[in-house]
PDB file of all heavy atoms in Angstrom:
ATOM      1  N   GLN A   1      49.838 -48.703  35.665  1.00  0.00           N
ATOM      2  CA  GLN A   1      51.065 -49.483  35.535  1.00  0.00           C
ATOM      3  C   GLN A   1      52.264 -48.550  35.378  1.00  0.00           C
ATOM      4  O   GLN A   1      52.369 -47.544  36.049  1.00  0.00           O
ATOM      5  CB  GLN A   1      50.949 -50.482  34.383  1.00  0.00           C
ATOM      6  CG  GLN A   1      49.896 -51.548  34.575  1.00  0.00           C
ATOM      7  CD  GLN A   1      49.844 -52.513  33.423  1.00  0.00           C
ATOM      8  OE1 GLN A   1      50.508 -52.364  32.397  1.00  0.00           O
ATOM      9  NE2 GLN A   1      49.018 -53.542  33.569  1.00  0.00           N
ATOM     10  N   GLY A   2      53.156 -48.867  34.448  1.00  0.00           N
ATOM     11  CA  GLY A   2      54.363 -48.050  34.313  1.00  0.00           C
ATOM     12  C   GLY A   2      54.127 -46.665  33.773  1.00  0.00           C
ATOM     13  O   GLY A   2      55.014 -45.809  33.831  1.00  0.00           O
ATOM     14  N   TYR A   3      52.920 -46.423  33.243  1.00  0.00           N
ATOM     15  CA  TYR A   3      52.610 -45.082  32.734  1.00  0.00           C
ATOM     16  C   TYR A   3      52.116 -44.140  33.833  1.00  0.00           C
ATOM     17  O   TYR A   3      52.081 -42.919  33.637  1.00  0.00           O
ATOM     18  CB  TYR A   3      51.559 -45.161  31.621  1.00  0.00           C
ATOM     19  CG  TYR A   3      51.257 -43.814  31.005  1.00  0.00           C
ATOM     20  CD1 TYR A   3      52.175 -43.187  30.167  1.00  0.00           C
ATOM     21  CD2 TYR A   3      50.064 -43.152  31.302  1.00  0.00           C
ATOM     22  CE1 TYR A   3      51.915 -41.938  29.633  1.00  0.00           C
ATOM     23  CE2 TYR A   3      49.793 -41.899  30.756  1.00  0.00           C
ATOM     24  CZ  TYR A   3      50.719 -41.300  29.929  1.00  0.00           C
ATOM     25  OH  TYR A   3      50.465 -40.058  29.412  1.00  0.00           O
ATOM     26  N   ALA A   4      51.779 -44.691  34.988  1.00  0.00           N
ATOM     27  CA  ALA A   4      51.145 -43.897  36.050  1.00  0.00           C
ATOM     28  C   ALA A   4      51.887 -42.596  36.388  1.00  0.00           C
ATOM     29  O   ALA A   4      51.243 -41.556  36.585  1.00  0.00           O
ATOM     30  CB  ALA A   4      50.969 -44.751  37.308  1.00  0.00           C
ATOM     31  N   PRO A   5      53.227 -42.567  36.467  1.00  0.00           N
ATOM     32  CA  PRO A   5      53.913 -41.308  36.799  1.00  0.00           C
ATOM     33  C   PRO A   5      53.710 -40.211  35.759  1.00  0.00           C
ATOM     34  O   PRO A   5      53.937 -39.033  36.050  1.00  0.00           O
ATOM     35  CB  PRO A   5      55.383 -41.717  36.871  1.00  0.00           C
ATOM     36  CG  PRO A   5      55.386 -43.185  37.086  1.00  0.00           C
ATOM     37  CD  PRO A   5      54.188 -43.687  36.349  1.00  0.00           C
ATOM     38  N   PHE A   6      53.287 -40.608  34.549  1.00  0.00           N
ATOM     39  CA  PHE A   6      53.132 -39.642  33.469  1.00  0.00           C
ATOM     40  C   PHE A   6      51.672 -39.260  33.214  1.00  0.00           C
ATOM     41  O   PHE A   6      51.408 -38.346  32.431  1.00  0.00           O
ATOM     42  CB  PHE A   6      53.756 -40.202  32.179  1.00  0.00           C
ATOM     43  CG  PHE A   6      55.136 -40.756  32.383  1.00  0.00           C
ATOM     44  CD1 PHE A   6      55.380 -42.115  32.281  1.00  0.00           C
ATOM     45  CD2 PHE A   6      56.195 -39.925  32.719  1.00  0.00           C
ATOM     46  CE1 PHE A   6      56.644 -42.640  32.486  1.00  0.00           C
ATOM     47  CE2 PHE A   6      57.466 -40.427  32.932  1.00  0.00           C
ATOM     48  CZ  PHE A   6      57.697 -41.790  32.818  1.00  0.00           C
ATOM     49  N   HIS A   7      50.745 -39.957  33.880  1.00  0.00           N
ATOM     50  CA  HIS A   7      49.317 -39.642  33.716  1.00  0.00           C
ATOM     51  C   HIS A   7      48.956 -38.529  34.686  1.00  0.00           C
ATOM     52  O   HIS A   7      48.283 -38.718  35.699  1.00  0.00           O
ATOM     53  CB  HIS A   7      48.472 -40.890  33.979  1.00  0.00           C
ATOM     54  CG  HIS A   7      47.037 -40.737  33.566  1.00  0.00           C
ATOM     55  ND1 HIS A   7      46.660 -40.333  32.296  1.00  0.00           N
ATOM     56  CD2 HIS A   7      45.880 -40.912  34.255  1.00  0.00           C
ATOM     57  CE1 HIS A   7      45.346 -40.289  32.226  1.00  0.00           C
ATOM     58  NE2 HIS A   7      44.840 -40.619  33.394  1.00  0.00           N
ATOM     59  N   VAL A   8      49.459 -37.352  34.380  1.00  0.00           N
ATOM     60  CA  VAL A   8      49.334 -36.184  35.250  1.00  0.00           C
ATOM     61  C   VAL A   8      48.813 -35.012  34.416  1.00  0.00           C
ATOM     62  O   VAL A   8      48.848 -35.047  33.173  1.00  0.00           O
ATOM     63  CB  VAL A   8      50.690 -35.823  35.889  1.00  0.00           C
ATOM     64  CG1 VAL A   8      51.202 -36.960  36.772  1.00  0.00           C
ATOM     65  CG2 VAL A   8      51.732 -35.484  34.813  1.00  0.00           C
ATOM     66  N   PRO A   9      48.314 -33.967  35.065  1.00  0.00           N
ATOM     67  CA  PRO A   9      47.846 -32.793  34.324  1.00  0.00           C
ATOM     68  C   PRO A   9      48.888 -32.288  33.331  1.00  0.00           C
ATOM     69  O   PRO A   9      50.073 -32.185  33.648  1.00  0.00           O
ATOM     70  CB  PRO A   9      47.588 -31.766  35.431  1.00  0.00           C
ATOM     71  CG  PRO A   9      47.245 -32.594  36.636  1.00  0.00           C
ATOM     72  CD  PRO A   9      48.128 -33.795  36.532  1.00  0.00           C
ATOM     73  N   GLY A  10      48.444 -31.992  32.119  1.00  0.00           N
ATOM     74  CA  GLY A  10      49.339 -31.425  31.113  1.00  0.00           C
ATOM     75  C   GLY A  10      50.135 -32.434  30.322  1.00  0.00           C
ATOM     76  O   GLY A  10      51.012 -32.057  29.547  1.00  0.00           O
ATOM     77  N   SER A  11      49.832 -33.719  30.473  1.00  0.00           N
ATOM     78  CA  SER A  11      50.581 -34.760  29.775  1.00  0.00           C
ATOM     79  C   SER A  11      49.582 -35.728  29.152  1.00  0.00           C
ATOM     80  O   SER A  11      48.817 -36.372  29.869  1.00  0.00           O
ATOM     81  CB  SER A  11      51.497 -35.507  30.759  1.00  0.00           C
ATOM     82  OG  SER A  11      52.183 -36.553  30.127  1.00  0.00           O
ATOM     83  N   TRP A  12      49.601 -35.857  27.820  1.00  0.00           N
ATOM     84  CA  TRP A  12      48.589 -36.646  27.120  1.00  0.00           C
ATOM     85  C   TRP A  12      49.176 -37.959  26.609  1.00  0.00           C
ATOM     86  O   TRP A  12      50.150 -37.970  25.860  1.00  0.00           O
ATOM     87  CB  TRP A  12      48.010 -35.854  25.949  1.00  0.00           C
ATOM     88  CG  TRP A  12      47.228 -34.644  26.378  1.00  0.00           C
ATOM     89  CD1 TRP A  12      45.904 -34.594  26.730  1.00  0.00           C
ATOM     90  CD2 TRP A  12      47.717 -33.302  26.504  1.00  0.00           C
ATOM     91  NE1 TRP A  12      45.541 -33.304  27.063  1.00  0.00           N
ATOM     92  CE2 TRP A  12      46.633 -32.492  26.935  1.00  0.00           C
ATOM     93  CE3 TRP A  12      48.958 -32.693  26.297  1.00  0.00           C
ATOM     94  CZ2 TRP A  12      46.763 -31.123  27.143  1.00  0.00           C
ATOM     95  CZ3 TRP A  12      49.095 -31.343  26.513  1.00  0.00           C
ATOM     96  CH2 TRP A  12      47.996 -30.568  26.933  1.00  0.00           C
ATOM     97  N   SER A  13      48.553 -39.062  27.013  1.00  0.00           N
ATOM     98  CA  SER A  13      48.997 -40.383  26.586  1.00  0.00           C
ATOM     99  C   SER A  13      48.825 -40.558  25.084  1.00  0.00           C
ATOM    100  O   SER A  13      47.900 -40.024  24.473  1.00  0.00           O
ATOM    101  CB  SER A  13      48.198 -41.467  27.319  1.00  0.00           C
ATOM    102  OG  SER A  13      48.472 -42.749  26.780  1.00  0.00           O
ATOM    103  N   SER A  14      49.718 -41.364  24.492  1.00  0.00           N
ATOM    104  CA  SER A  14      49.607 -41.672  23.069  1.00  0.00           C
ATOM    105  C   SER A  14      48.523 -42.699  22.787  1.00  0.00           C
ATOM    106  O   SER A  14      48.038 -42.796  21.666  1.00  0.00           O
ATOM    107  CB  SER A  14      50.952 -42.209  22.549  1.00  0.00           C
ATOM    108  OG  SER A  14      51.920 -41.201  22.580  1.00  0.00           O
ATOM    109  N   ARG A  15      48.140 -43.443  23.812  1.00  0.00           N
ATOM    110  CA  ARG A  15      47.133 -44.483  23.621  1.00  0.00           C
ATOM    111  C   ARG A  15      45.749 -43.878  23.432  1.00  0.00           C
ATOM    112  O   ARG A  15      45.312 -43.030  24.221  1.00  0.00           O
ATOM    113  CB  ARG A  15      47.129 -45.442  24.819  1.00  0.00           C
ATOM    114  CG  ARG A  15      48.387 -46.252  24.952  1.00  0.00           C
ATOM    115  CD  ARG A  15      48.351 -47.159  26.164  1.00  0.00           C
ATOM    116  NE  ARG A  15      47.156 -48.015  26.227  1.00  0.00           N
ATOM    117  CZ  ARG A  15      47.149 -49.239  26.723  1.00  0.00           C
ATOM    118  NH1 ARG A  15      48.270 -49.773  27.193  1.00  0.00           N
ATOM    119  NH2 ARG A  15      46.035 -49.943  26.757  1.00  0.00           N
ATOM    120  N   SER A  16      45.033 -44.332  22.421  1.00  0.00           N
ATOM    121  CA  SER A  16      43.712 -43.791  22.135  1.00  0.00           C
ATOM    122  C   SER A  16      42.678 -44.196  23.177  1.00  0.00           C
ATOM    123  O   SER A  16      41.610 -43.581  23.256  1.00  0.00           O
ATOM    124  CB  SER A  16      43.247 -44.257  20.747  1.00  0.00           C
ATOM    125  OG  SER A  16      43.178 -45.675  20.687  1.00  0.00           O
ATOM    126  N   ASP A  17      42.978 -45.227  23.954  1.00  0.00           N
ATOM    127  CA  ASP A  17      42.014 -45.686  24.960  1.00  0.00           C
ATOM    128  C   ASP A  17      42.258 -45.075  26.331  1.00  0.00           C
ATOM    129  O   ASP A  17      41.594 -45.429  27.301  1.00  0.00           O
ATOM    130  CB  ASP A  17      42.032 -47.218  25.064  1.00  0.00           C
ATOM    131  CG  ASP A  17      43.400 -47.787  25.439  1.00  0.00           C
ATOM    132  OD1 ASP A  17      44.419 -47.064  25.279  1.00  0.00           O
ATOM    133  OD2 ASP A  17      43.461 -48.950  25.882  1.00  0.00           O
ATOM    134  N   VAL A  18      43.197 -44.129  26.432  1.00  0.00           N
ATOM    135  CA  VAL A  18      43.464 -43.425  27.688  1.00  0.00           C
ATOM    136  C   VAL A  18      42.927 -42.000  27.567  1.00  0.00           C
ATOM    137  O   VAL A  18      43.310 -41.265  26.655  1.00  0.00           O
ATOM    138  CB  VAL A  18      44.972 -43.400  28.019  1.00  0.00           C
ATOM    139  CG1 VAL A  18      45.225 -42.599  29.293  1.00  0.00           C
ATOM    140  CG2 VAL A  18      45.508 -44.822  28.178  1.00  0.00           C
ATOM    141  N   GLY A  19      42.060 -41.609  28.471  1.00  0.00           N
ATOM    142  CA  GLY A  19      41.452 -40.287  28.407  1.00  0.00           C
ATOM    143  C   GLY A  19      42.403 -39.173  28.800  1.00  0.00           C
ATOM    144  O   GLY A  19      43.566 -39.413  29.157  1.00  0.00           O
ATOM    145  N   ALA A  20      41.914 -37.934  28.740  1.00  0.00           N
ATOM    146  CA  ALA A  20      42.710 -36.770  29.120  1.00  0.00           C
ATOM    147  C   ALA A  20      43.125 -36.883  30.582  1.00  0.00           C
ATOM    148  O   ALA A  20      42.388 -37.429  31.407  1.00  0.00           O
ATOM    149  CB  ALA A  20      41.922 -35.489  28.892  1.00  0.00           C
ATOM    150  N   PRO A  21      44.296 -36.389  30.929  1.00  0.00           N
ATOM    151  CA  PRO A  21      44.739 -36.436  32.317  1.00  0.00           C
ATOM    152  C   PRO A  21      43.892 -35.521  33.192  1.00  0.00           C
ATOM    153  O   PRO A  21      43.141 -34.670  32.678  1.00  0.00           O
ATOM    154  CB  PRO A  21      46.189 -35.951  32.234  1.00  0.00           C
ATOM    155  CG  PRO A  21      46.233 -35.112  31.003  1.00  0.00           C
ATOM    156  CD  PRO A  21      45.277 -35.748  30.051  1.00  0.00           C
ATOM    157  N   PRO A  22      43.994 -35.648  34.506  1.00  0.00           N
ATOM    158  CA  PRO A  22      43.191 -34.815  35.414  1.00  0.00           C
ATOM    159  C   PRO A  22      43.440 -33.319  35.193  1.00  0.00           C
ATOM    160  O   PRO A  22      44.565 -32.901  34.890  1.00  0.00           O
ATOM    161  CB  PRO A  22      43.680 -35.249  36.809  1.00  0.00           C
ATOM    162  CG  PRO A  22      44.271 -36.607  36.600  1.00  0.00           C
ATOM    163  CD  PRO A  22      44.861 -36.590  35.225  1.00  0.00           C
ATOM    164  N   ASP A  23      42.390 -32.537  35.336  1.00  0.00           N
ATOM    165  CA  ASP A  23      42.482 -31.067  35.299  1.00  0.00           C
ATOM    166  C   ASP A  23      43.116 -30.541  34.013  1.00  0.00           C
ATOM    167  O   ASP A  23      43.797 -29.506  34.019  1.00  0.00           O
ATOM    168  CB  ASP A  23      43.267 -30.552  36.508  1.00  0.00           C
ATOM    169  CG  ASP A  23      42.641 -30.972  37.829  1.00  0.00           C
ATOM    170  OD1 ASP A  23      41.405 -30.899  37.949  1.00  0.00           O
ATOM    171  OD2 ASP A  23      43.387 -31.401  38.733  1.00  0.00           O
ATOM    172  N   SER A  24      42.906 -31.247  32.922  1.00  0.00           N
ATOM    173  CA  SER A  24      43.461 -30.837  31.635  1.00  0.00           C
ATOM    174  C   SER A  24      42.398 -30.961  30.552  1.00  0.00           C
ATOM    175  O   SER A  24      41.562 -31.859  30.606  1.00  0.00           O
ATOM    176  CB  SER A  24      44.662 -31.722  31.262  1.00  0.00           C
ATOM    177  OG  SER A  24      45.654 -31.699  32.253  1.00  0.00           O
ATOM    178  N   PRO A  25      42.445 -30.075  29.570  1.00  0.00           N
ATOM    179  CA  PRO A  25      41.514 -30.219  28.451  1.00  0.00           C
ATOM    180  C   PRO A  25      41.877 -31.434  27.609  1.00  0.00           C
ATOM    181  O   PRO A  25      43.016 -31.925  27.669  1.00  0.00           O
ATOM    182  CB  PRO A  25      41.720 -28.922  27.660  1.00  0.00           C
ATOM    183  CG  PRO A  25      43.121 -28.505  27.994  1.00  0.00           C
ATOM    184  CD  PRO A  25      43.343 -28.924  29.408  1.00  0.00           C
ATOM    185  N   ALA A  26      40.941 -31.937  26.838  1.00  0.00           N
ATOM    186  CA  ALA A  26      41.246 -32.999  25.893  1.00  0.00           C
ATOM    187  C   ALA A  26      42.257 -32.477  24.876  1.00  0.00           C
ATOM    188  O   ALA A  26      42.239 -31.289  24.508  1.00  0.00           O
ATOM    189  CB  ALA A  26      39.977 -33.466  25.189  1.00  0.00           C
ATOM    190  N   PHE A  27      43.132 -33.333  24.422  1.00  0.00           N
ATOM    191  CA  PHE A  27      44.194 -32.904  23.519  1.00  0.00           C
ATOM    192  C   PHE A  27      43.625 -32.244  22.267  1.00  0.00           C
ATOM    193  O   PHE A  27      44.156 -31.245  21.781  1.00  0.00           O
ATOM    194  CB  PHE A  27      45.075 -34.099  23.141  1.00  0.00           C
ATOM    195  CG  PHE A  27      46.251 -33.730  22.292  1.00  0.00           C
ATOM    196  CD1 PHE A  27      47.357 -33.096  22.840  1.00  0.00           C
ATOM    197  CD2 PHE A  27      46.254 -33.999  20.921  1.00  0.00           C
ATOM    198  CE1 PHE A  27      48.445 -32.747  22.048  1.00  0.00           C
ATOM    199  CE2 PHE A  27      47.329 -33.652  20.132  1.00  0.00           C
ATOM    200  CZ  PHE A  27      48.430 -33.028  20.698  1.00  0.00           C
ATOM    201  N   GLU A  28      42.520 -32.794  21.747  1.00  0.00           N
ATOM    202  CA  GLU A  28      41.937 -32.247  20.516  1.00  0.00           C
ATOM    203  C   GLU A  28      41.302 -30.877  20.733  1.00  0.00           C
ATOM    204  O   GLU A  28      40.988 -30.172  19.761  1.00  0.00           O
ATOM    205  CB  GLU A  28      40.906 -33.210  19.928  1.00  0.00           C
ATOM    206  CG  GLU A  28      39.792 -33.590  20.867  1.00  0.00           C
ATOM    207  CD  GLU A  28      40.088 -34.839  21.682  1.00  0.00           C
ATOM    208  OE1 GLU A  28      41.285 -35.191  21.842  1.00  0.00           O
ATOM    209  OE2 GLU A  28      39.119 -35.480  22.149  1.00  0.00           O
ATOM    210  N   ASP A  29      41.133 -30.470  21.983  1.00  0.00           N
ATOM    211  CA  ASP A  29      40.551 -29.158  22.273  1.00  0.00           C
ATOM    212  C   ASP A  29      41.609 -28.067  22.446  1.00  0.00           C
ATOM    213  O   ASP A  29      41.268 -26.895  22.656  1.00  0.00           O
ATOM    214  CB  ASP A  29      39.694 -29.229  23.546  1.00  0.00           C
ATOM    215  CG  ASP A  29      38.444 -30.084  23.358  1.00  0.00           C
ATOM    216  OD1 ASP A  29      38.020 -30.256  22.203  1.00  0.00           O
ATOM    217  OD2 ASP A  29      37.904 -30.573  24.369  1.00  0.00           O
ATOM    218  N   VAL A  30      42.861 -28.438  22.376  1.00  0.00           N
ATOM    219  CA  VAL A  30      43.953 -27.480  22.554  1.00  0.00           C
ATOM    220  C   VAL A  30      44.510 -27.081  21.190  1.00  0.00           C
ATOM    221  O   VAL A  30      44.772 -27.940  20.341  1.00  0.00           O
ATOM    222  CB  VAL A  30      45.087 -28.091  23.416  1.00  0.00           C
ATOM    223  CG1 VAL A  30      46.238 -27.104  23.551  1.00  0.00           C
ATOM    224  CG2 VAL A  30      44.563 -28.493  24.787  1.00  0.00           C
ATOM    225  N   VAL A  31      44.683 -25.782  20.976  1.00  0.00           N
ATOM    226  CA  VAL A  31      45.322 -25.309  19.744  1.00  0.00           C
ATOM    227  C   VAL A  31      46.828 -25.405  19.952  1.00  0.00           C
ATOM    228  O   VAL A  31      47.418 -24.664  20.743  1.00  0.00           O
ATOM    229  CB  VAL A  31      44.926 -23.860  19.416  1.00  0.00           C
ATOM    230  CG1 VAL A  31      45.632 -23.394  18.144  1.00  0.00           C
ATOM    231  CG2 VAL A  31      43.415 -23.746  19.247  1.00  0.00           C
ATOM    232  N   ILE A  32      47.439 -26.321  19.249  1.00  0.00           N
ATOM    233  CA  ILE A  32      48.857 -26.578  19.468  1.00  0.00           C
ATOM    234  C   ILE A  32      49.488 -27.024  18.160  1.00  0.00           C
ATOM    235  O   ILE A  32      48.878 -27.738  17.364  1.00  0.00           O
ATOM    236  CB  ILE A  32      49.037 -27.644  20.585  1.00  0.00           C
ATOM    237  CG1 ILE A  32      50.493 -27.754  21.026  1.00  0.00           C
ATOM    238  CG2 ILE A  32      48.474 -28.987  20.172  1.00  0.00           C
ATOM    239  CD1 ILE A  32      50.674 -28.572  22.298  1.00  0.00           C
TER     240      ILE A  32
END
């Protein structure tokens, strides 16, 4: 839907039911 332009590599959704974007590690696996 309206989030589609932002569901890209390197961009993590705030929604807990949306997985990691393509070609990106899970957010919890990144030291940030």
